[in-house]
Amino acid sequence: QVQLVESGGGSVETGGSLRLSCTGSGNIFNRDVVGWYRQPPGGQRKLVAHISTQGSTFYTDSVKGRFTVSQDIAKNTVYLQMDSLQLSDTADYYCRVGADWGQGTQVSVSE
């Protein structure tokens, strides 16, 4: 089991940026992918992006060109750089490795 801790959330205005971090207590890069998910208020949790151990990435359409997922293997950390934030990006963001989830970090975007 991997313990995951997200950080970096906060409140920003539209067009702003945030960088989320997901750090694992164990080696999170033993798994196939590390995924970032988000759950908006009253909504369902959905995949935003993921990165494989080889560095290949996936993005859901709504964040393509605005979000970038990256990894620092030495720090056992995966990042989600979020630029050009929109109101619709407001959500709790979670990272996931296999069956293990972090506790989430809140992102709030306002006008």
Foldseek 3Di string as FASTA:
>chain_A
DKAKAKDWADEEEAQAKIKMKIAIPDQLQVFAKKWKWWAAVVGDIDTAKIAGSVGDMDGDPVQPPFWDWDDDRVRRMIMIIGGRDDQVVFTWMWMDRDPDIYPTDTHGYHD
